[in-house]
Amino acid sequence: MMVRSQALRGLRAFLGALIICAPTIGYAASGSEGEPSTRIPTLLGSAFPGWKRVPNAIDMARAAPPDAMRNGISGTTILFCTVTARGTLNDCVVDSEEHPGKGFGEAALSLTPKFQMKPTKPDGSSVSGETVRFPVRFVAPR
């Protein structure tokens, strides 16, 4: 039993990052907290097709900013991206970042190749050229 609990603690420490992939309207402009964003995504609510692929826990742990994780600092970055016909993300920018300068924005951007949306919206039309805004949250291990 002792070995199992030690293994679980090690696994929790290794997989200390979490991703939340829901589309948001949200608040906070680039690099600041609490201000409305000027970027309005086109894929919201019933138009949001859902994710075909997202980063897994190991991808998240590898991308997480090591200094922030080591110091117990968690953070959320809001990304704004254009969606291709295949559902991959292009031209992504950090729309807002919790704890600027701690590496969360760069870490979230490094994960964008791991994301893929379903290529068609619920109404059957293509996602090509649409935009999406979503949070990526990194949780420091305890």
Protein backbone atom coordinates (compact mmCIF):
# COMPACT_ATOMS: atom_id res chain seq x y z
CA MET A 1 0.00 0.00 0.00
CA MET A 2 2.87 2.38 0.83
CA VAL A 3 4.49 1.87 -2.58
CA ARG A 4 1.18 2.57 -4.33
CA SER A 5 0.63 5.88 -2.47
CA GLN A 6 4.20 6.96 -3.21
CA ALA A 7 3.68 6.14 -6.88
CA LEU A 8 0.43 8.13 -6.94
CA ARG A 9 2.13 11.14 -5.33
CA GLY A 10 4.90 10.95 -7.93
CA LEU A 11 2.37 10.70 -10.73
CA ARG A 12 0.43 13.71 -9.37
CA ALA A 13 3.63 15.73 -9.23
CA PHE A 14 4.57 14.73 -12.78
CA LEU A 15 1.09 15.41 -14.16
CA GLY A 16 0.67 18.70 -12.35
CA ALA A 17 -0.79 20.52 -15.35
CA LEU A 18 -4.42 20.62 -16.34
CA ILE A 19 -6.09 21.82 -19.50
CA ILE A 20 -9.49 23.37 -19.80
CA CYS A 21 -10.60 23.60 -23.43
CA ALA A 22 -13.98 25.31 -23.35
CA PRO A 23 -14.53 28.30 -25.63
CA THR A 24 -14.87 31.55 -23.74
CA ILE A 25 -15.94 35.11 -24.26
CA GLY A 26 -14.09 35.98 -21.06
CA TYR A 27 -12.19 39.02 -19.95
CA ALA A 28 -8.61 40.26 -19.84
CA ALA A 29 -6.72 41.81 -22.68
CA SER A 30 -3.23 40.75 -23.65
CA GLY A 31 -0.92 40.79 -20.65
CA SER A 32 -3.39 42.36 -18.22
CA GLU A 33 -6.10 41.11 -15.93
CA GLY A 34 -9.70 42.28 -15.68
CA GLU A 35 -10.08 44.30 -18.91
CA PRO A 36 -12.48 43.26 -21.67
CA SER A 37 -10.87 41.58 -24.66
CA THR A 38 -11.30 43.24 -28.03
CA ARG A 39 -11.15 39.87 -29.83
CA ILE A 40 -14.52 38.23 -30.34
CA PRO A 41 -14.39 34.56 -31.41
CA THR A 42 -16.79 33.29 -34.06
CA LEU A 43 -17.02 29.75 -32.64
CA LEU A 44 -19.15 30.14 -29.52
CA GLY A 45 -22.10 28.39 -27.95
CA SER A 46 -24.03 26.19 -30.34
CA ALA A 47 -21.59 27.02 -33.18
CA PHE A 48 -18.66 25.43 -31.27
CA PRO A 49 -17.93 22.07 -32.93
CA GLY A 50 -15.93 20.57 -30.06
CA TRP A 51 -12.38 19.25 -29.89
CA LYS A 52 -11.19 16.30 -31.93
CA ARG A 53 -7.82 16.27 -30.16
CA VAL A 54 -6.33 18.10 -27.17
CA PRO A 55 -2.97 17.81 -25.40
CA ASN A 56 -2.79 14.96 -22.93
CA ALA A 57 -1.51 15.22 -19.35
CA ILE A 58 2.06 14.32 -20.36
CA ASP A 59 2.04 17.04 -23.07
CA MET A 60 0.80 19.52 -20.47
CA ALA A 61 3.42 18.51 -17.91
CA ARG A 62 6.22 18.81 -20.48
CA ALA A 63 5.03 22.25 -21.63
CA ALA A 64 4.37 23.69 -18.16
CA PRO A 65 6.81 26.45 -17.16
CA PRO A 66 9.29 24.62 -14.89
CA ASP A 67 10.13 27.54 -12.57
CA ALA A 68 6.47 28.32 -11.95
CA MET A 69 5.66 24.65 -11.32
CA ARG A 70 8.64 24.26 -8.98
CA ASN A 71 7.52 27.34 -7.03
CA GLY A 72 3.91 26.17 -6.76
CA ILE A 73 2.52 28.82 -9.12
CA SER A 74 -0.46 27.82 -11.25
CA GLY A 75 -1.66 29.94 -14.14
CA THR A 76 -4.17 30.30 -16.95
CA THR A 77 -3.57 31.62 -20.44
CA ILE A 78 -6.36 32.54 -22.84
CA LEU A 79 -5.45 31.79 -26.48
CA PHE A 80 -7.12 33.27 -29.55
CA CYS A 81 -6.63 31.30 -32.78
CA THR A 82 -7.84 30.97 -36.35
CA VAL A 83 -9.08 27.49 -37.31
CA THR A 84 -8.10 25.77 -40.58
CA ALA A 85 -10.37 23.58 -42.72
CA ARG A 86 -8.80 20.50 -41.05
CA GLY A 87 -9.52 21.93 -37.59
CA THR A 88 -5.92 22.74 -36.72
CA LEU A 89 -5.07 26.08 -35.14
CA ASN A 90 -3.15 28.90 -36.87
CA ASP A 91 -2.06 32.41 -35.99
CA CYS A 92 -2.55 31.84 -32.27
CA VAL A 93 -1.87 34.70 -29.90
CA VAL A 94 -1.97 35.06 -26.15
CA ASP A 95 -5.17 37.01 -25.46
CA SER A 96 -4.49 37.15 -21.73
CA GLU A 97 -2.09 35.56 -19.30
CA GLU A 98 -2.22 35.08 -15.57
CA HIS A 99 1.16 35.90 -13.98
CA PRO A 100 2.82 37.57 -17.02
CA GLY A 101 6.51 36.79 -17.26
CA LYS A 102 6.21 33.36 -15.62
CA GLY A 103 6.08 31.49 -18.95
CA PHE A 104 2.43 30.45 -19.08
CA GLY A 105 1.74 32.22 -22.39
CA GLU A 106 4.71 30.64 -24.14
CA ALA A 107 3.84 27.25 -22.67
CA ALA A 108 0.24 27.46 -23.93
CA LEU A 109 1.38 28.55 -27.40
CA SER A 110 3.79 25.61 -27.58
CA LEU A 111 0.80 23.28 -27.19
CA THR A 112 -1.23 24.63 -30.13
CA PRO A 113 -0.05 21.90 -32.57
CA LYS A 114 -1.61 19.37 -30.18
CA PHE A 115 -5.09 20.90 -30.55
CA GLN A 116 -7.50 20.01 -33.33
CA MET A 117 -11.15 20.95 -33.60
CA LYS A 118 -13.79 18.91 -35.35
CA PRO A 119 -13.70 20.17 -38.96
CA THR A 120 -17.41 20.92 -39.17
CA LYS A 121 -19.75 22.92 -36.98
CA PRO A 122 -22.96 21.33 -35.66
CA ASP A 123 -24.84 22.84 -38.63
CA GLY A 124 -22.50 21.00 -41.03
CA SER A 125 -20.56 24.05 -42.25
CA SER A 126 -16.76 24.20 -42.23
CA VAL A 127 -14.73 25.70 -39.41
CA SER A 128 -12.23 27.09 -41.94
CA GLY A 129 -11.38 30.71 -41.15
CA GLU A 130 -13.40 30.76 -37.93
CA THR A 131 -11.80 31.96 -34.70
CA VAL A 132 -11.79 30.45 -31.23
CA ARG A 133 -10.80 31.75 -27.81
CA PHE A 134 -10.09 29.22 -25.05
CA PRO A 135 -8.24 28.85 -21.74
CA VAL A 136 -5.26 26.64 -21.06
CA ARG A 137 -4.67 26.10 -17.35
CA PHE A 138 -1.48 24.83 -15.78
CA VAL A 139 -1.81 23.58 -12.20
CA ALA A 140 1.31 23.34 -10.06
CA PRO A 141 1.77 20.09 -8.14
CA ARG A 142 1.22 20.25 -4.38
